[in-house]
Amino acid sequence: MAGSSHGHTPAAWTGVIISFIGFCVASLFMVMASPVGFWAGMGLVLLGGVVGGIMSKMGMGQKPHFHPLNPPAASRETADAKS
């Protein structure tokens, strides 16, 4: 999508980097045939998603964008009350 800022936030970058490291760890231990290391890497993948979600809730994620022709529900209720 042209002009989108999807994923260009600290929350997204942090979550993706942690998950990428987890995938690398899991793949390394898969080749080494070590199930414990593999599952540790998969745990890092999940941790990346959790950290990204928490950071987003803390305000480090993408801010909501409302199109002028599709205002948020609160604005629609106000507009309906005026008419």
C-alpha atoms as a PDB file:
ATOM      1  CA  MET A   1       0.000   0.000   0.000  1.00  0.00           C
ATOM      2  CA  ALA A   2       1.625   3.235  -1.133  1.00  0.00           C
ATOM      3  CA  GLY A   3       2.178   5.853   1.535  1.00  0.00           C
ATOM      4  CA  SER A   4       1.557   3.446   4.402  1.00  0.00           C
ATOM      5  CA  SER A   5       3.574   3.673   7.586  1.00  0.00           C
ATOM      6  CA  HIS A   6       2.646   0.131   8.597  1.00  0.00           C
ATOM      7  CA  GLY A   7       5.383  -1.403  10.722  1.00  0.00           C
ATOM      8  CA  HIS A   8       7.583   1.681  10.998  1.00  0.00           C
ATOM      9  CA  THR A   9       7.338   1.944  14.783  1.00  0.00           C
ATOM     10  CA  PRO A  10       9.610   1.017  17.701  1.00  0.00           C
ATOM     11  CA  ALA A  11       7.102  -1.633  18.810  1.00  0.00           C
ATOM     12  CA  ALA A  12       7.077  -3.321  15.395  1.00  0.00           C
ATOM     13  CA  TRP A  13      10.843  -3.216  14.946  1.00  0.00           C
ATOM     14  CA  THR A  14      11.524  -4.571  18.438  1.00  0.00           C
ATOM     15  CA  GLY A  15       9.019  -7.400  18.070  1.00  0.00           C
ATOM     16  CA  VAL A  16      10.352  -8.391  14.650  1.00  0.00           C
ATOM     17  CA  ILE A  17      14.001  -8.304  15.745  1.00  0.00           C
ATOM     18  CA  ILE A  18      13.329 -10.482  18.802  1.00  0.00           C
ATOM     19  CA  SER A  19      11.286 -12.912  16.689  1.00  0.00           C
ATOM     20  CA  PHE A  20      13.980 -13.012  13.994  1.00  0.00           C
ATOM     21  CA  ILE A  21      16.613 -13.905  16.597  1.00  0.00           C
ATOM     22  CA  GLY A  22      14.255 -16.610  17.885  1.00  0.00           C
ATOM     23  CA  PHE A  23      13.860 -18.072  14.390  1.00  0.00           C
ATOM     24  CA  CYS A  24      17.645 -18.082  13.950  1.00  0.00           C
ATOM     25  CA  VAL A  25      18.161 -19.831  17.301  1.00  0.00           C
ATOM     26  CA  ALA A  26      15.428 -22.372  16.571  1.00  0.00           C
ATOM     27  CA  SER A  27      16.782 -23.159  13.111  1.00  0.00           C
ATOM     28  CA  LEU A  28      20.331 -23.531  14.439  1.00  0.00           C
ATOM     29  CA  PHE A  29      19.244 -25.981  17.108  1.00  0.00           C
ATOM     30  CA  MET A  30      17.032 -27.836  14.629  1.00  0.00           C
ATOM     31  CA  VAL A  31      20.087 -28.511  12.481  1.00  0.00           C
ATOM     32  CA  MET A  32      22.009 -29.554  15.602  1.00  0.00           C
ATOM     33  CA  ALA A  33      19.118 -31.924  16.531  1.00  0.00           C
ATOM     34  CA  SER A  34      18.592 -30.341  19.940  1.00  0.00           C
ATOM     35  CA  PRO A  35      14.877 -30.187  20.810  1.00  0.00           C
ATOM     36  CA  VAL A  36      15.434 -28.102  23.961  1.00  0.00           C
ATOM     37  CA  GLY A  37      17.300 -25.400  22.043  1.00  0.00           C
ATOM     38  CA  PHE A  38      14.684 -25.473  19.287  1.00  0.00           C
ATOM     39  CA  TRP A  39      11.852 -24.860  21.761  1.00  0.00           C
ATOM     40  CA  ALA A  40      13.880 -22.133  23.461  1.00  0.00           C
ATOM     41  CA  GLY A  41      14.123 -20.392  20.089  1.00  0.00           C
ATOM     42  CA  MET A  42      10.395 -20.797  19.535  1.00  0.00           C
ATOM     43  CA  GLY A  43       9.857 -19.263  22.977  1.00  0.00           C
ATOM     44  CA  LEU A  44      11.855 -16.234  21.787  1.00  0.00           C
ATOM     45  CA  VAL A  45       9.578 -15.984  18.759  1.00  0.00           C
ATOM     46  CA  LEU A  46       6.539 -15.818  21.035  1.00  0.00           C
ATOM     47  CA  LEU A  47       8.325 -13.361  23.326  1.00  0.00           C
ATOM     48  CA  GLY A  48       8.851 -11.047  20.342  1.00  0.00           C
ATOM     49  CA  GLY A  49       5.120 -10.933  19.714  1.00  0.00           C
ATOM     50  CA  VAL A  50       4.362 -10.276  23.371  1.00  0.00           C
ATOM     51  CA  VAL A  51       6.982  -7.512  23.664  1.00  0.00           C
ATOM     52  CA  GLY A  52       5.746  -5.860  20.463  1.00  0.00           C
ATOM     53  CA  GLY A  53       2.159  -5.985  21.702  1.00  0.00           C
ATOM     54  CA  ILE A  54       3.058  -4.520  25.096  1.00  0.00           C
ATOM     55  CA  MET A  55       5.092  -1.739  23.504  1.00  0.00           C
ATOM     56  CA  SER A  56       2.202  -0.964  21.179  1.00  0.00           C
ATOM     57  CA  LYS A  57      -0.184  -0.710  24.152  1.00  0.00           C
ATOM     58  CA  MET A  58       2.338   1.643  25.810  1.00  0.00           C
ATOM     59  CA  GLY A  59       1.971   4.037  22.881  1.00  0.00           C
ATOM     60  CA  MET A  60       5.023   3.044  20.850  1.00  0.00           C
ATOM     61  CA  GLY A  61       2.971   1.484  18.065  1.00  0.00           C
ATOM     62  CA  GLN A  62       1.172   2.985  15.110  1.00  0.00           C
ATOM     63  CA  LYS A  63      -1.412   5.613  15.982  1.00  0.00           C
ATOM     64  CA  PRO A  64      -4.948   5.004  14.687  1.00  0.00           C
ATOM     65  CA  HIS A  65      -5.685   6.740  11.410  1.00  0.00           C
ATOM     66  CA  PHE A  66      -9.192   7.794  10.501  1.00  0.00           C
ATOM     67  CA  HIS A  67     -10.157   8.629   6.954  1.00  0.00           C
ATOM     68  CA  PRO A  68     -12.161  11.872   6.586  1.00  0.00           C
ATOM     69  CA  LEU A  69     -15.008  10.004   4.882  1.00  0.00           C
ATOM     70  CA  ASN A  70     -15.098   7.325   7.587  1.00  0.00           C
ATOM     71  CA  PRO A  71     -14.845   9.068  10.989  1.00  0.00           C
ATOM     72  CA  PRO A  72     -14.573   7.102  14.248  1.00  0.00           C
ATOM     73  CA  ALA A  73     -17.801   5.970  15.929  1.00  0.00           C
ATOM     74  CA  ALA A  74     -17.812   8.821  18.485  1.00  0.00           C
ATOM     75  CA  SER A  75     -17.708  11.415  15.692  1.00  0.00           C
ATOM     76  CA  ARG A  76     -20.531   9.666  13.855  1.00  0.00           C
ATOM     77  CA  GLU A  77     -22.720   9.732  16.972  1.00  0.00           C
ATOM     78  CA  THR A  78     -22.046  13.453  17.410  1.00  0.00           C
ATOM     79  CA  ALA A  79     -22.840  14.101  13.739  1.00  0.00           C
ATOM     80  CA  ASP A  80     -26.068  12.084  14.014  1.00  0.00           C
ATOM     81  CA  ALA A  81     -27.128  14.034  17.108  1.00  0.00           C
ATOM     82  CA  LYS A  82     -26.611  17.383  15.305  1.00  0.00           C
ATOM     83  CA  SER A  83     -28.791  16.418  12.334  1.00  0.00           C
END
